[in-house]
Amino acid sequence: MAEYNRPLPAPTPETQHFWDGCRDGELRLQRCKSCKESYFPPRPFCPACSSRDVEIYKASGKATLYSYIINHRPRPDFGEAPHSIAVVALAEGPRMMTNIVDCSQTPEALVLDMPLEVTFEKASDEISLPKFRPAKG
């Protein structure tokens, strides 16, 4: 594994399950047992109804491209430009900020509502970052 020279997230007790899932190749979300709302980012209570009766579950990893920008400014700590900074709509409902990978970083390739699937970029032994790529098939 090449040295990862970008800042990495610092898991907290509230987010550890999410980062453990990413490390294990699973996108984990939370769902309220009271109102059935799925949500992201992780927190110990439901943002819809404030219930603390929540559960962690493995998400499908499927999403659609909701919005994006293409950054053309090169950064020494971020690899080659251009790269996308995107918001995806997860199949389970929540939206997530991420990067789109494994495709051209152009408006012609990054089509809104395109189907996506999660992939994980290993940054360290403990942290893998969820990114999304065009869905196969």
N, C-alpha and C. Protein backbone atom coordinates (compact mmCIF):
# COMPACT_ATOMS: atom_id res chain seq x y z
N MET A 1 0.85 -1.18 0.00
CA MET A 1 0.00 0.00 0.00
C MET A 1 0.89 1.24 0.00
N ALA A 2 0.64 2.16 -0.93
CA ALA A 2 1.40 3.41 -0.99
C ALA A 2 1.03 4.27 0.21
N GLU A 3 1.96 5.14 0.59
CA GLU A 3 1.69 6.04 1.72
C GLU A 3 0.57 7.00 1.37
N TYR A 4 -0.38 7.11 2.25
CA TYR A 4 -1.53 7.99 2.06
C TYR A 4 -1.22 9.30 2.76
N ASN A 5 -1.09 10.39 2.00
CA ASN A 5 -0.62 11.64 2.59
C ASN A 5 -1.72 12.69 2.76
N ARG A 6 -2.96 12.27 2.82
CA ARG A 6 -4.07 13.21 3.07
C ARG A 6 -4.58 13.02 4.49
N PRO A 7 -5.23 14.02 5.03
CA PRO A 7 -5.82 13.85 6.37
C PRO A 7 -6.86 12.72 6.36
N LEU A 8 -6.88 11.96 7.41
CA LEU A 8 -7.84 10.85 7.54
C LEU A 8 -8.82 11.12 8.66
N PRO A 9 -10.02 10.56 8.56
CA PRO A 9 -10.99 10.74 9.65
C PRO A 9 -10.49 10.07 10.92
N ALA A 10 -10.92 10.61 12.04
CA ALA A 10 -10.62 10.03 13.34
C ALA A 10 -11.93 9.45 13.89
N PRO A 11 -12.09 8.12 13.84
CA PRO A 11 -13.33 7.53 14.33
C PRO A 11 -13.60 7.89 15.79
N THR A 12 -14.88 8.07 16.10
CA THR A 12 -15.34 8.32 17.45
C THR A 12 -16.20 7.13 17.86
N PRO A 13 -16.59 7.04 19.13
CA PRO A 13 -17.49 5.93 19.51
C PRO A 13 -18.77 5.91 18.66
N GLU A 14 -19.27 7.06 18.25
CA GLU A 14 -20.50 7.14 17.46
C GLU A 14 -20.29 6.73 16.01
N THR A 15 -19.07 6.85 15.48
CA THR A 15 -18.82 6.54 14.07
C THR A 15 -17.99 5.28 13.84
N GLN A 16 -17.51 4.66 14.92
CA GLN A 16 -16.62 3.51 14.77
C GLN A 16 -17.24 2.39 13.94
N HIS A 17 -18.53 2.12 14.13
CA HIS A 17 -19.19 1.05 13.35
C HIS A 17 -19.11 1.34 11.85
N PHE A 18 -19.24 2.61 11.46
CA PHE A 18 -19.19 2.97 10.05
C PHE A 18 -17.80 2.69 9.49
N TRP A 19 -16.76 3.14 10.19
CA TRP A 19 -15.39 2.94 9.71
C TRP A 19 -14.98 1.49 9.76
N ASP A 20 -15.45 0.72 10.75
CA ASP A 20 -15.19 -0.72 10.78
C ASP A 20 -15.81 -1.39 9.55
N GLY A 21 -17.02 -0.97 9.20
CA GLY A 21 -17.68 -1.52 8.01
C GLY A 21 -16.92 -1.19 6.75
N CYS A 22 -16.48 0.05 6.60
CA CYS A 22 -15.71 0.43 5.41
C CYS A 22 -14.43 -0.39 5.32
N ARG A 23 -13.75 -0.58 6.44
CA ARG A 23 -12.53 -1.40 6.46
C ARG A 23 -12.83 -2.82 6.00
N ASP A 24 -14.02 -3.33 6.35
CA ASP A 24 -14.42 -4.69 6.00
C ASP A 24 -15.14 -4.78 4.66
N GLY A 25 -15.21 -3.66 3.92
CA GLY A 25 -15.85 -3.67 2.61
C GLY A 25 -17.36 -3.60 2.64
N GLU A 26 -17.91 -3.03 3.72
CA GLU A 26 -19.36 -2.86 3.85
C GLU A 26 -19.70 -1.41 4.13
N LEU A 27 -20.74 -0.93 3.46
CA LEU A 27 -21.26 0.40 3.76
C LEU A 27 -22.36 0.21 4.80
N ARG A 28 -22.14 0.71 6.01
CA ARG A 28 -23.09 0.54 7.10
C ARG A 28 -23.82 1.85 7.38
N LEU A 29 -25.12 1.75 7.49
CA LEU A 29 -25.97 2.89 7.81
C LEU A 29 -26.67 2.61 9.12
N GLN A 30 -27.40 3.60 9.58
CA GLN A 30 -28.26 3.44 10.76
C GLN A 30 -29.70 3.67 10.35
N ARG A 31 -30.60 3.02 11.09
CA ARG A 31 -32.03 3.14 10.84
C ARG A 31 -32.72 3.25 12.18
N CYS A 32 -33.70 4.11 12.23
CA CYS A 32 -34.50 4.30 13.44
C CYS A 32 -35.51 3.16 13.54
N LYS A 33 -35.57 2.52 14.69
CA LYS A 33 -36.55 1.45 14.89
C LYS A 33 -37.95 2.01 15.11
N SER A 34 -38.04 3.28 15.51
CA SER A 34 -39.35 3.88 15.77
C SER A 34 -40.02 4.35 14.48
N CYS A 35 -39.31 5.17 13.68
CA CYS A 35 -39.93 5.74 12.47
C CYS A 35 -39.43 5.11 11.18
N LYS A 36 -38.46 4.18 11.28
CA LYS A 36 -37.92 3.43 10.14
C LYS A 36 -37.07 4.28 9.19
N GLU A 37 -36.70 5.49 9.56
CA GLU A 37 -35.88 6.38 8.73
C GLU A 37 -34.43 5.92 8.75
N SER A 38 -33.82 5.76 7.56
CA SER A 38 -32.38 5.50 7.46
C SER A 38 -31.68 6.84 7.40
N TYR A 39 -30.47 6.90 7.97
CA TYR A 39 -29.79 8.19 7.97
C TYR A 39 -28.28 8.05 7.92
N PHE A 40 -27.66 9.14 7.50
CA PHE A 40 -26.22 9.31 7.44
C PHE A 40 -25.98 10.81 7.56
N PRO A 41 -24.95 11.25 8.25
CA PRO A 41 -23.86 10.53 8.89
C PRO A 41 -24.28 9.88 10.20
N PRO A 42 -23.42 8.98 10.71
CA PRO A 42 -23.75 8.28 11.95
C PRO A 42 -23.93 9.22 13.14
N ARG A 43 -24.90 8.88 13.98
CA ARG A 43 -25.14 9.59 15.24
C ARG A 43 -25.99 8.71 16.13
N PRO A 44 -26.01 8.95 17.41
CA PRO A 44 -26.69 8.02 18.33
C PRO A 44 -28.21 8.21 18.41
N PHE A 45 -28.77 9.11 17.60
CA PHE A 45 -30.21 9.35 17.65
C PHE A 45 -30.73 9.61 16.25
N CYS A 46 -32.00 9.40 16.05
CA CYS A 46 -32.63 9.61 14.74
C CYS A 46 -32.81 11.10 14.48
N PRO A 47 -32.32 11.62 13.35
CA PRO A 47 -32.50 13.03 13.04
C PRO A 47 -33.95 13.38 12.68
N ALA A 48 -34.76 12.38 12.35
CA ALA A 48 -36.16 12.64 11.99
C ALA A 48 -37.07 12.76 13.20
N CYS A 49 -36.88 11.86 14.20
CA CYS A 49 -37.82 11.85 15.34
C CYS A 49 -37.12 11.92 16.70
N SER A 50 -35.79 11.98 16.69
CA SER A 50 -34.96 12.08 17.90
C SER A 50 -34.94 10.82 18.77
N SER A 51 -35.48 9.72 18.28
CA SER A 51 -35.44 8.48 19.04
C SER A 51 -34.01 7.97 19.14
N ARG A 52 -33.69 7.36 20.26
CA ARG A 52 -32.38 6.73 20.43
C ARG A 52 -32.44 5.23 20.18
N ASP A 53 -33.59 4.75 19.77
CA ASP A 53 -33.77 3.33 19.46
C ASP A 53 -33.41 3.11 17.99
N VAL A 54 -32.09 3.00 17.73
CA VAL A 54 -31.59 2.89 16.36
C VAL A 54 -30.80 1.60 16.18
N GLU A 55 -30.68 1.17 14.93
CA GLU A 55 -29.92 -0.03 14.62
C GLU A 55 -28.95 0.26 13.48
N ILE A 56 -27.90 -0.54 13.41
CA ILE A 56 -26.90 -0.46 12.36
C ILE A 56 -27.17 -1.60 11.39
N TYR A 57 -27.10 -1.32 10.09
CA TYR A 57 -27.32 -2.38 9.10
C TYR A 57 -26.43 -2.18 7.89
N LYS A 58 -26.21 -3.26 7.17
CA LYS A 58 -25.40 -3.22 5.95
C LYS A 58 -26.26 -2.68 4.81
N ALA A 59 -25.82 -1.59 4.20
CA ALA A 59 -26.53 -1.00 3.08
C ALA A 59 -26.20 -1.76 1.80
N SER A 60 -26.98 -1.53 0.77
CA SER A 60 -26.80 -2.23 -0.51
C SER A 60 -25.53 -1.79 -1.24
N GLY A 61 -25.07 -0.56 -0.98
CA GLY A 61 -23.93 -0.04 -1.72
C GLY A 61 -24.32 0.58 -3.05
N LYS A 62 -25.60 0.63 -3.35
CA LYS A 62 -26.08 1.22 -4.60
C LYS A 62 -26.49 2.67 -4.35
N ALA A 63 -26.28 3.49 -5.37
CA ALA A 63 -26.59 4.91 -5.26
C ALA A 63 -26.80 5.48 -6.65
N THR A 64 -27.23 6.74 -6.68
CA THR A 64 -27.28 7.50 -7.93
C THR A 64 -26.57 8.82 -7.70
N LEU A 65 -26.05 9.38 -8.78
CA LEU A 65 -25.34 10.65 -8.70
C LEU A 65 -26.36 11.78 -8.55
N TYR A 66 -26.29 12.48 -7.43
CA TYR A 66 -27.23 13.55 -7.13
C TYR A 66 -26.69 14.90 -7.59
N SER A 67 -25.41 15.16 -7.32
CA SER A 67 -24.79 16.44 -7.67
C SER A 67 -23.27 16.27 -7.63
N TYR A 68 -22.56 17.15 -8.32
CA TYR A 68 -21.10 17.08 -8.29
C TYR A 68 -20.48 18.37 -8.80
N ILE A 69 -19.21 18.52 -8.50
CA ILE A 69 -18.37 19.52 -9.14
C ILE A 69 -17.10 18.79 -9.57
N ILE A 70 -16.43 19.35 -10.54
CA ILE A 70 -15.15 18.81 -10.98
C ILE A 70 -14.08 19.81 -10.58
N ASN A 71 -13.18 19.37 -9.72
CA ASN A 71 -12.08 20.22 -9.28
C ASN A 71 -10.93 20.06 -10.26
N HIS A 72 -10.49 21.17 -10.86
CA HIS A 72 -9.40 21.14 -11.83
C HIS A 72 -8.08 21.63 -11.25
N ARG A 73 -8.10 22.07 -10.01
CA ARG A 73 -6.86 22.57 -9.39
C ARG A 73 -6.08 21.42 -8.80
N PRO A 74 -4.87 21.20 -9.27
CA PRO A 74 -4.08 20.10 -8.70
C PRO A 74 -3.67 20.40 -7.27
N ARG A 75 -3.65 19.34 -6.47
CA ARG A 75 -3.18 19.44 -5.09
C ARG A 75 -2.14 18.35 -4.89
N PRO A 76 -1.03 18.67 -4.29
CA PRO A 76 0.00 17.64 -4.10
C PRO A 76 -0.44 16.48 -3.22
N ASP A 77 -1.43 16.72 -2.37
CA ASP A 77 -1.89 15.65 -1.47
C ASP A 77 -3.11 14.92 -1.98
N PHE A 78 -3.56 15.21 -3.20
CA PHE A 78 -4.80 14.59 -3.68
C PHE A 78 -4.65 13.90 -5.02
N GLY A 79 -3.45 13.68 -5.47
CA GLY A 79 -3.28 13.00 -6.75
C GLY A 79 -3.55 13.93 -7.90
N GLU A 80 -3.88 13.34 -9.02
CA GLU A 80 -4.04 14.11 -10.24
C GLU A 80 -5.36 14.86 -10.29
N ALA A 81 -5.34 16.00 -10.95
CA ALA A 81 -6.57 16.73 -11.26
C ALA A 81 -6.94 16.35 -12.68
N PRO A 82 -8.15 16.42 -13.08
CA PRO A 82 -9.30 16.79 -12.27
C PRO A 82 -9.83 15.60 -11.46
N HIS A 83 -10.61 15.92 -10.44
CA HIS A 83 -11.32 14.90 -9.68
C HIS A 83 -12.67 15.45 -9.26
N SER A 84 -13.62 14.55 -9.09
CA SER A 84 -14.97 14.98 -8.74
C SER A 84 -15.18 14.99 -7.24
N ILE A 85 -15.97 15.92 -6.81
CA ILE A 85 -16.48 15.98 -5.44
C ILE A 85 -17.99 15.88 -5.61
N ALA A 86 -18.57 14.82 -5.08
CA ALA A 86 -19.95 14.50 -5.42
C ALA A 86 -20.82 14.26 -4.20
N VAL A 87 -22.11 14.39 -4.41
CA VAL A 87 -23.13 13.96 -3.46
C VAL A 87 -23.90 12.86 -4.17
N VAL A 88 -24.00 11.71 -3.51
CA VAL A 88 -24.76 10.59 -4.07
C VAL A 88 -25.98 10.35 -3.20
N ALA A 89 -27.05 9.89 -3.85
CA ALA A 89 -28.26 9.50 -3.13
C ALA A 89 -28.22 7.99 -2.98
N LEU A 90 -28.06 7.53 -1.75
CA LEU A 90 -28.01 6.10 -1.49
C LEU A 90 -29.37 5.47 -1.74
N ALA A 91 -29.39 4.22 -2.17
CA ALA A 91 -30.65 3.52 -2.44
C ALA A 91 -31.55 3.50 -1.21
N GLU A 92 -30.95 3.53 -0.02
CA GLU A 92 -31.72 3.50 1.22
C GLU A 92 -32.29 4.86 1.62
N GLY A 93 -31.92 5.93 0.89
CA GLY A 93 -32.49 7.24 1.16
C GLY A 93 -31.52 8.35 1.49
N PRO A 94 -30.56 8.14 2.39
CA PRO A 94 -29.67 9.24 2.75
C PRO A 94 -28.76 9.66 1.59
N ARG A 95 -28.23 10.85 1.70
CA ARG A 95 -27.23 11.35 0.75
C ARG A 95 -25.88 11.35 1.44
N MET A 96 -24.83 11.21 0.62
CA MET A 96 -23.47 11.12 1.15
C MET A 96 -22.53 11.89 0.23
N MET A 97 -21.61 12.66 0.82
CA MET A 97 -20.57 13.31 0.04
C MET A 97 -19.43 12.33 -0.17
N THR A 98 -18.89 12.29 -1.39
CA THR A 98 -17.88 11.30 -1.75
C THR A 98 -17.15 11.75 -2.99
N ASN A 99 -16.43 10.84 -3.60
CA ASN A 99 -15.79 11.07 -4.90
C ASN A 99 -16.27 9.98 -5.85
N ILE A 100 -16.34 10.33 -7.13
CA ILE A 100 -16.67 9.35 -8.17
C ILE A 100 -15.34 8.94 -8.79
N VAL A 101 -15.12 7.64 -8.89
CA VAL A 101 -13.86 7.10 -9.39
C VAL A 101 -14.14 6.12 -10.53
N ASP A 102 -13.07 5.72 -11.18
CA ASP A 102 -13.12 4.71 -12.26
C ASP A 102 -13.92 5.17 -13.47
N CYS A 103 -13.92 6.48 -13.72
CA CYS A 103 -14.52 6.99 -14.95
C CYS A 103 -13.91 8.36 -15.23
N SER A 104 -14.08 8.83 -16.46
CA SER A 104 -13.58 10.15 -16.83
C SER A 104 -14.22 11.20 -15.94
N GLN A 105 -13.44 12.19 -15.59
CA GLN A 105 -13.94 13.27 -14.74
C GLN A 105 -14.39 14.43 -15.62
N THR A 106 -15.43 14.16 -16.41
CA THR A 106 -15.98 15.14 -17.34
C THR A 106 -17.50 15.17 -17.19
N PRO A 107 -18.13 16.28 -17.60
CA PRO A 107 -19.60 16.33 -17.54
C PRO A 107 -20.26 15.28 -18.42
N GLU A 108 -19.58 14.87 -19.49
CA GLU A 108 -20.15 13.85 -20.37
C GLU A 108 -20.19 12.49 -19.68
N ALA A 109 -19.23 12.21 -18.82
CA ALA A 109 -19.18 10.92 -18.12
C ALA A 109 -19.95 10.94 -16.81
N LEU A 110 -20.00 12.09 -16.15
CA LEU A 110 -20.67 12.20 -14.85
C LEU A 110 -22.09 12.73 -15.07
N VAL A 111 -22.99 11.83 -15.33
CA VAL A 111 -24.37 12.18 -15.67
C VAL A 111 -25.23 12.08 -14.42
N LEU A 112 -25.98 13.14 -14.13
CA LEU A 112 -26.85 13.11 -12.96
C LEU A 112 -27.81 11.92 -13.04
N ASP A 113 -28.08 11.32 -11.90
CA ASP A 113 -28.95 10.15 -11.75
C ASP A 113 -28.34 8.85 -12.28
N MET A 114 -27.05 8.89 -12.70
CA MET A 114 -26.44 7.65 -13.17
C MET A 114 -26.32 6.66 -12.02
N PRO A 115 -26.51 5.37 -12.28
CA PRO A 115 -26.39 4.37 -11.22
C PRO A 115 -24.92 4.19 -10.81
N LEU A 116 -24.71 4.07 -9.52
CA LEU A 116 -23.37 3.95 -8.95
C LEU A 116 -23.32 2.78 -7.97
N GLU A 117 -22.10 2.33 -7.67
CA GLU A 117 -21.90 1.32 -6.64
C GLU A 117 -20.70 1.72 -5.81
N VAL A 118 -20.72 1.32 -4.56
CA VAL A 118 -19.65 1.70 -3.64
C VAL A 118 -18.41 0.87 -3.92
N THR A 119 -17.26 1.48 -3.70
CA THR A 119 -15.97 0.82 -3.70
C THR A 119 -15.19 1.46 -2.55
N PHE A 120 -14.17 0.80 -2.08
CA PHE A 120 -13.45 1.31 -0.91
C PHE A 120 -11.98 1.51 -1.23
N GLU A 121 -11.46 2.66 -0.87
CA GLU A 121 -10.05 2.99 -1.05
C GLU A 121 -9.34 2.83 0.29
N LYS A 122 -8.43 1.86 0.36
CA LYS A 122 -7.71 1.61 1.60
C LYS A 122 -6.68 2.71 1.82
N ALA A 123 -6.86 3.47 2.89
CA ALA A 123 -5.96 4.58 3.21
C ALA A 123 -4.95 4.20 4.29
N SER A 124 -5.34 3.28 5.18
CA SER A 124 -4.46 2.79 6.24
C SER A 124 -5.00 1.42 6.66
N ASP A 125 -4.36 0.80 7.63
CA ASP A 125 -4.85 -0.49 8.11
C ASP A 125 -6.21 -0.37 8.77
N GLU A 126 -6.55 0.80 9.28
CA GLU A 126 -7.82 1.00 9.98
C GLU A 126 -8.87 1.76 9.18
N ILE A 127 -8.46 2.56 8.21
CA ILE A 127 -9.40 3.43 7.49
C ILE A 127 -9.42 3.09 6.00
N SER A 128 -10.63 2.78 5.51
CA SER A 128 -10.90 2.68 4.08
C SER A 128 -11.99 3.69 3.78
N LEU A 129 -11.82 4.43 2.70
CA LEU A 129 -12.75 5.51 2.36
C LEU A 129 -13.77 5.03 1.33
N PRO A 130 -15.07 5.28 1.58
CA PRO A 130 -16.07 4.89 0.59
C PRO A 130 -16.08 5.88 -0.58
N LYS A 131 -15.93 5.33 -1.75
CA LYS A 131 -16.02 6.11 -3.00
C LYS A 131 -17.05 5.40 -3.86
N PHE A 132 -17.49 6.03 -4.93
CA PHE A 132 -18.47 5.42 -5.80
C PHE A 132 -17.98 5.41 -7.23
N ARG A 133 -18.37 4.37 -7.96
CA ARG A 133 -18.01 4.22 -9.37
C ARG A 133 -19.26 3.87 -10.15
N PRO A 134 -19.24 4.08 -11.48
CA PRO A 134 -20.40 3.68 -12.26
C PRO A 134 -20.73 2.21 -12.04
N ALA A 135 -22.01 1.92 -11.89
CA ALA A 135 -22.44 0.55 -11.64
C ALA A 135 -22.20 -0.30 -12.88
N LYS A 136 -21.78 -1.52 -12.64
CA LYS A 136 -21.56 -2.46 -13.75
C LYS A 136 -22.92 -2.96 -14.25
N GLY A 137 -22.99 -3.14 -15.57
CA GLY A 137 -24.23 -3.67 -16.16
C GLY A 137 -25.19 -2.58 -16.33
